Amino acid sequence: MAKKWGAGHKVKLPPYLFSPRKGAKTRQNALQHLDQHHYLTIDLKQFYPSTSFLMVRRWLIADLGMYEDVADLLTHLVTIDNVVSFGSPVTPVLVALVHRRLFDNIAALCATYQLNYTVWVDDLTISGPSIPGDLVVQIRELIAQAGLQSHKVRFQTGNRAVFITGVGVVGARLVVPNKYNLKLKGLWEAYYQAITPEEKLSCVDPLLSIMGTIRYITGRRSRIGQKMSNQMNSLRQERDKIYNRIIIDAKSEDIQQFEECIFAEAIPWD
């Protein structure tokens, strides 16, 4: 039981939080920063190991109003070796809520300068027409006051691609990292160099997968997204043709083997 926490209550997540959960993707995080002139990114160092058993327990009791025995039980479920669990689907949002006062304070600071601000686990991204030079100092002070450390601080301009949690922002467009384009090129080369229908067929699913990823990140209606859609449709049609050819060849081979087996022996009534 809880003092003021019932089954009908839910934790309302802040609008700046895009940490992994149902419906939250890196693309949505990057979309918040389209068409900006300046970007500031800050990472929280050792964010998970720095979020301790006591921090989680304190949040459950102080913020959610849980009884201590219930808070102890839940904290044991979501921590290992006195820190939050790596790999658990609960952890990305949990750590954000445990440190919500910090993130809310940063959000309020950014709001005073009319800047965009998002959080993806331990990645903080801030963007806008202009970012004051002393803002990073104020943010790092807030982080230190919360008992955490920051590193990988980067100021960037929108003159070229700015990658936010793996998704590139170029003006009002989203782009993929070059490794996706190189992988796509390599898969197409393997497809065209394939000799047998089976070899070609083995290349189709990886091609569809990488093109689907590129289309998702760049957007279905973007020029690249439409190009990927057209290529995927053509490839699916070609896949069906290859598959039908394999079936026809297999049937022909079975018929031939059957005929050879039948006529290899003397027919008893001849």
Protein backbone atom coordinates (compact mmCIF):
# COMPACT_ATOMS: atom_id res chain seq x y z
CA MET A 1 0.00 0.00 0.00
CA ALA A 2 1.00 3.61 -0.38
CA LYS A 3 0.19 6.76 1.49
CA LYS A 4 -1.10 8.72 -1.49
CA TRP A 5 -0.38 6.44 -4.41
CA GLY A 6 -3.14 4.27 -5.88
CA ALA A 7 -3.76 2.16 -8.95
CA GLY A 8 -5.48 5.06 -10.67
CA HIS A 9 -2.46 7.33 -10.38
CA LYS A 10 0.13 7.70 -13.10
CA VAL A 11 3.43 9.52 -13.30
CA LYS A 12 3.09 12.22 -15.93
CA LEU A 13 6.26 12.35 -17.98
CA PRO A 14 7.69 15.77 -18.85
CA PRO A 15 7.52 16.89 -22.51
CA TYR A 16 11.31 17.05 -22.81
CA LEU A 17 11.78 13.36 -22.00
CA PHE A 18 12.29 11.04 -24.97
CA SER A 19 14.12 8.18 -23.24
CA PRO A 20 13.39 4.69 -24.67
CA ARG A 21 9.85 3.46 -24.03
CA LYS A 22 6.78 2.62 -26.07
CA GLY A 23 6.26 5.28 -28.72
CA ALA A 24 9.54 7.10 -28.00
CA LYS A 25 12.28 6.85 -30.62
CA THR A 26 15.51 8.66 -31.38
CA ARG A 27 13.78 10.14 -34.44
CA GLN A 28 11.19 11.89 -32.27
CA ASN A 29 14.00 13.27 -30.14
CA ALA A 30 15.81 14.71 -33.15
CA LEU A 31 12.60 16.19 -34.60
CA GLN A 32 12.45 18.64 -31.68
CA HIS A 33 15.62 20.32 -32.95
CA LEU A 34 14.90 20.90 -36.65
CA ASP A 35 15.94 24.10 -38.39
CA GLN A 36 18.02 25.62 -35.57
CA HIS A 37 21.24 27.63 -35.80
CA HIS A 38 23.05 26.50 -32.66
CA TYR A 39 23.22 23.21 -30.79
CA LEU A 40 24.60 22.23 -27.40
CA THR A 41 24.93 18.57 -26.38
CA ILE A 42 25.99 17.34 -22.94
CA ASP A 43 26.38 13.76 -21.70
CA LEU A 44 25.92 12.66 -18.10
CA LYS A 45 28.96 10.61 -17.13
CA GLN A 46 28.31 7.15 -15.65
CA PHE A 47 24.64 8.01 -15.33
CA TYR A 48 23.38 4.53 -14.42
CA PRO A 49 26.16 3.65 -11.94
CA SER A 50 25.69 7.09 -10.36
CA THR A 51 22.01 6.39 -9.69
CA SER A 52 22.10 4.44 -6.45
CA PHE A 53 19.73 2.25 -4.47
CA LEU A 54 19.25 5.05 -1.94
CA MET A 55 18.39 7.59 -4.67
CA VAL A 56 15.67 5.32 -6.08
CA ARG A 57 14.30 4.53 -2.63
CA ARG A 58 14.25 8.19 -1.64
CA TRP A 59 12.34 9.09 -4.82
CA LEU A 60 9.73 6.38 -4.23
CA ILE A 61 9.12 7.57 -0.68
CA ALA A 62 9.43 11.35 -1.09
CA ASP A 63 7.90 11.84 -4.54
CA LEU A 64 5.46 8.94 -4.83
CA GLY A 65 4.57 8.77 -1.14
CA MET A 66 5.13 5.04 -0.79
CA TYR A 67 5.51 3.27 2.53
CA GLU A 68 9.10 2.38 3.29
CA ASP A 69 8.61 -1.38 3.09
CA VAL A 70 6.96 -1.08 -0.35
CA ALA A 71 9.70 1.28 -1.52
CA ASP A 72 12.34 -1.21 -0.32
CA LEU A 73 10.71 -4.03 -2.27
CA LEU A 74 10.43 -2.03 -5.51
CA THR A 75 13.94 -0.66 -5.19
CA HIS A 76 15.35 -4.17 -4.84
CA LEU A 77 13.48 -5.15 -8.02
CA VAL A 78 15.01 -2.38 -10.16
CA THR A 79 18.57 -2.29 -8.80
CA ILE A 80 21.55 -4.64 -8.82
CA ASP A 81 24.63 -4.20 -6.63
CA ASN A 82 23.15 -1.00 -5.19
CA VAL A 83 22.75 0.78 -8.56
CA VAL A 84 20.02 0.77 -11.18
CA SER A 85 19.96 -2.23 -13.48
CA PHE A 86 21.68 -2.12 -16.87
CA GLY A 87 19.57 -3.54 -19.69
CA SER A 88 16.24 -3.30 -17.89
CA PRO A 89 13.46 -1.63 -19.91
CA VAL A 90 12.43 0.18 -16.72
CA THR A 91 15.76 1.93 -16.18
CA PRO A 92 15.82 4.65 -18.90
CA VAL A 93 12.63 6.29 -17.66
CA LEU A 94 13.26 5.44 -14.01
CA VAL A 95 16.56 7.31 -13.84
CA ALA A 96 14.98 10.32 -15.52
CA LEU A 97 12.25 10.40 -12.88
CA VAL A 98 14.67 9.86 -10.01
CA HIS A 99 16.65 12.88 -11.25
CA ARG A 100 13.61 14.81 -12.40
CA ARG A 101 14.36 17.87 -10.25
CA LEU A 102 17.66 18.26 -12.08
CA PHE A 103 16.08 17.88 -15.52
CA ASP A 104 13.22 20.21 -14.61
CA ASN A 105 15.69 22.84 -13.43
CA ILE A 106 17.58 22.59 -16.72
CA ALA A 107 14.28 22.81 -18.62
CA ALA A 108 13.35 25.98 -16.71
CA LEU A 109 16.77 27.46 -17.44
CA CYS A 110 16.43 26.71 -21.15
CA ALA A 111 12.92 28.16 -21.17
CA THR A 112 14.24 31.52 -19.95
CA TYR A 113 16.35 31.67 -23.12
CA GLN A 114 13.53 30.24 -25.30
CA LEU A 115 15.61 27.19 -26.26
CA ASN A 116 14.57 23.69 -27.25
CA TYR A 117 15.58 21.00 -24.77
CA THR A 118 15.31 17.20 -24.79
CA VAL A 119 16.64 14.30 -22.75
CA TRP A 120 17.46 10.86 -24.12
CA VAL A 121 18.71 8.75 -21.19
CA ASP A 122 22.05 10.48 -20.46
CA ASP A 123 22.15 12.72 -23.56
CA LEU A 124 20.99 16.31 -23.14
CA THR A 125 20.36 18.33 -26.31
CA ILE A 126 19.67 22.05 -26.44
CA SER A 127 19.07 24.09 -29.58
CA GLY A 128 17.88 27.48 -30.71
CA PRO A 129 18.71 30.59 -32.72
CA SER A 130 21.48 31.46 -30.25
CA ILE A 131 22.87 29.72 -27.16
CA PRO A 132 24.53 31.94 -24.52
CA GLY A 133 28.10 30.95 -23.72
CA ASP A 134 27.52 30.87 -19.98
CA LEU A 135 24.55 28.49 -20.29
CA VAL A 136 26.79 25.44 -20.28
CA VAL A 137 28.41 26.65 -17.05
CA GLN A 138 25.02 27.02 -15.38
CA ILE A 139 23.88 23.59 -16.56
CA ARG A 140 27.04 21.87 -15.41
CA GLU A 141 26.67 23.51 -12.00
CA LEU A 142 23.13 22.13 -11.72
CA ILE A 143 24.40 18.67 -12.69
CA ALA A 144 27.17 18.82 -10.09
CA GLN A 145 24.71 19.94 -7.41
CA ALA A 146 22.65 16.82 -8.18
CA GLY A 147 25.66 14.63 -7.45
CA LEU A 148 26.34 13.79 -11.10
CA GLN A 149 29.11 14.53 -13.56
CA SER A 150 28.94 15.85 -17.12
CA HIS A 151 31.29 15.40 -20.08
CA LYS A 152 31.40 15.40 -23.89
CA VAL A 153 30.17 18.99 -24.04
CA ARG A 154 29.85 20.15 -27.65
CA PHE A 155 28.73 23.39 -29.27
CA GLN A 156 27.74 23.00 -32.93
CA THR A 157 26.16 25.09 -35.65
CA GLY A 158 23.52 24.09 -38.16
CA ASN A 159 25.80 24.69 -41.13
CA ARG A 160 26.32 20.94 -41.43
CA ALA A 161 24.74 17.77 -40.06
CA VAL A 162 24.35 17.69 -36.29
CA PHE A 163 23.83 14.16 -34.99
CA ILE A 164 21.45 13.85 -32.08
CA THR A 165 21.28 10.34 -30.58
CA GLY A 166 22.39 8.89 -33.91
CA VAL A 167 20.00 10.87 -36.13
CA GLY A 168 21.36 13.71 -38.26
CA VAL A 169 19.70 17.12 -38.40
CA VAL A 170 20.43 19.29 -41.44
CA GLY A 171 18.26 22.40 -41.40
CA ALA A 172 14.67 21.17 -41.61
CA ARG A 173 15.66 17.65 -42.69
CA LEU A 174 16.61 14.45 -40.91
CA VAL A 175 19.44 12.38 -42.37
CA VAL A 176 21.05 9.04 -41.56
CA PRO A 177 24.69 8.53 -40.56
CA ASN A 178 26.92 7.70 -43.52
CA LYS A 179 27.41 4.13 -42.23
CA TYR A 180 23.83 3.38 -43.34
CA ASN A 181 24.53 4.57 -46.88
CA LEU A 182 27.74 2.52 -47.02
CA LYS A 183 25.92 -0.57 -45.79
CA LEU A 184 23.18 -0.06 -48.38
CA LYS A 185 25.76 0.31 -51.14
CA GLY A 186 27.51 -2.89 -50.06
CA LEU A 187 24.25 -4.85 -49.98
CA TRP A 188 23.29 -3.67 -53.48
CA GLU A 189 26.71 -4.72 -54.76
CA ALA A 190 26.25 -8.17 -53.24
CA TYR A 191 22.79 -8.40 -54.79
CA TYR A 192 23.97 -7.55 -58.31
CA GLN A 193 27.00 -9.82 -58.01
CA ALA A 194 24.90 -12.80 -56.89
CA ILE A 195 24.90 -15.60 -59.44
CA THR A 196 22.18 -18.00 -58.36
CA PRO A 197 18.57 -17.08 -57.54
CA GLU A 198 19.13 -18.34 -54.00
CA GLU A 199 22.07 -15.97 -53.55
CA LYS A 200 20.00 -13.04 -54.79
CA LEU A 201 17.12 -14.01 -52.53
CA SER A 202 19.42 -14.03 -49.48
CA CYS A 203 20.27 -10.37 -50.13
CA VAL A 204 16.67 -9.15 -50.29
CA ASP A 205 15.69 -9.09 -46.60
CA PRO A 206 18.84 -7.22 -45.46
CA LEU A 207 18.25 -4.69 -48.26
CA LEU A 208 14.61 -4.17 -47.29
CA SER A 209 15.63 -3.79 -43.65
CA ILE A 210 18.25 -1.09 -44.20
CA MET A 211 16.06 0.78 -46.70
CA GLY A 212 13.16 0.65 -44.23
CA THR A 213 15.41 2.15 -41.54
CA ILE A 214 16.57 4.94 -43.83
CA ARG A 215 12.97 5.67 -44.87
CA TYR A 216 11.82 5.77 -41.25
CA ILE A 217 14.56 8.17 -40.15
CA THR A 218 14.34 10.54 -43.11
CA GLY A 219 10.54 10.36 -43.29
CA ARG A 220 8.25 8.69 -45.82
CA ARG A 221 7.43 11.99 -47.55
CA SER A 222 11.01 13.17 -47.87
CA ARG A 223 12.84 12.81 -51.18
CA ILE A 224 15.04 10.06 -49.76
CA GLY A 225 12.07 8.37 -48.10
CA GLN A 226 10.10 8.27 -51.35
CA LYS A 227 13.15 6.92 -53.17
CA MET A 228 13.49 4.15 -50.58
CA SER A 229 9.78 3.30 -50.90
CA ASN A 230 10.04 2.97 -54.68
CA GLN A 231 13.16 0.81 -54.46
CA MET A 232 11.57 -1.38 -51.79
CA ASN A 233 8.47 -1.94 -53.91
CA SER A 234 10.58 -2.84 -56.95
CA LEU A 235 12.72 -5.18 -54.87
CA ARG A 236 9.67 -6.96 -53.45
CA GLN A 237 8.37 -7.54 -56.98
CA GLU A 238 11.75 -8.87 -58.04
CA ARG A 239 11.84 -11.10 -54.95
CA ASP A 240 8.49 -12.65 -55.94
CA LYS A 241 9.80 -13.33 -59.44
CA ILE A 242 12.94 -14.96 -58.07
CA TYR A 243 10.93 -17.04 -55.63
CA ASN A 244 8.57 -18.23 -58.38
CA ARG A 245 11.55 -19.08 -60.57
CA ILE A 246 13.06 -21.18 -57.78
CA ILE A 247 9.77 -23.05 -57.33
CA ILE A 248 9.41 -23.70 -61.07
CA ASP A 249 13.02 -24.91 -61.32
CA ALA A 250 12.52 -27.18 -58.30
CA LYS A 251 9.35 -28.69 -59.79
CA SER A 252 11.05 -29.24 -63.13
CA GLU A 253 13.96 -30.96 -61.39
CA ASP A 254 11.58 -33.18 -59.40
CA ILE A 255 9.71 -34.18 -62.56
CA GLN A 256 12.96 -34.94 -64.35
CA GLN A 257 14.22 -37.07 -61.46
CA PHE A 258 10.89 -38.93 -61.33
CA GLU A 259 11.00 -39.66 -65.05
CA GLU A 260 14.59 -40.85 -64.85
CA CYS A 261 13.66 -43.16 -61.98
CA ILE A 262 10.66 -44.59 -63.83
CA PHE A 263 12.33 -45.21 -67.17
CA ALA A 264 15.58 -46.47 -65.70
CA GLU A 265 13.87 -49.82 -64.96
CA ALA A 266 12.12 -52.16 -67.37
CA ILE A 267 8.39 -51.81 -67.28
CA PRO A 268 7.06 -55.23 -66.14
CA TRP A 269 4.23 -55.43 -68.69
CA ASP A 270 6.41 -54.64 -71.72
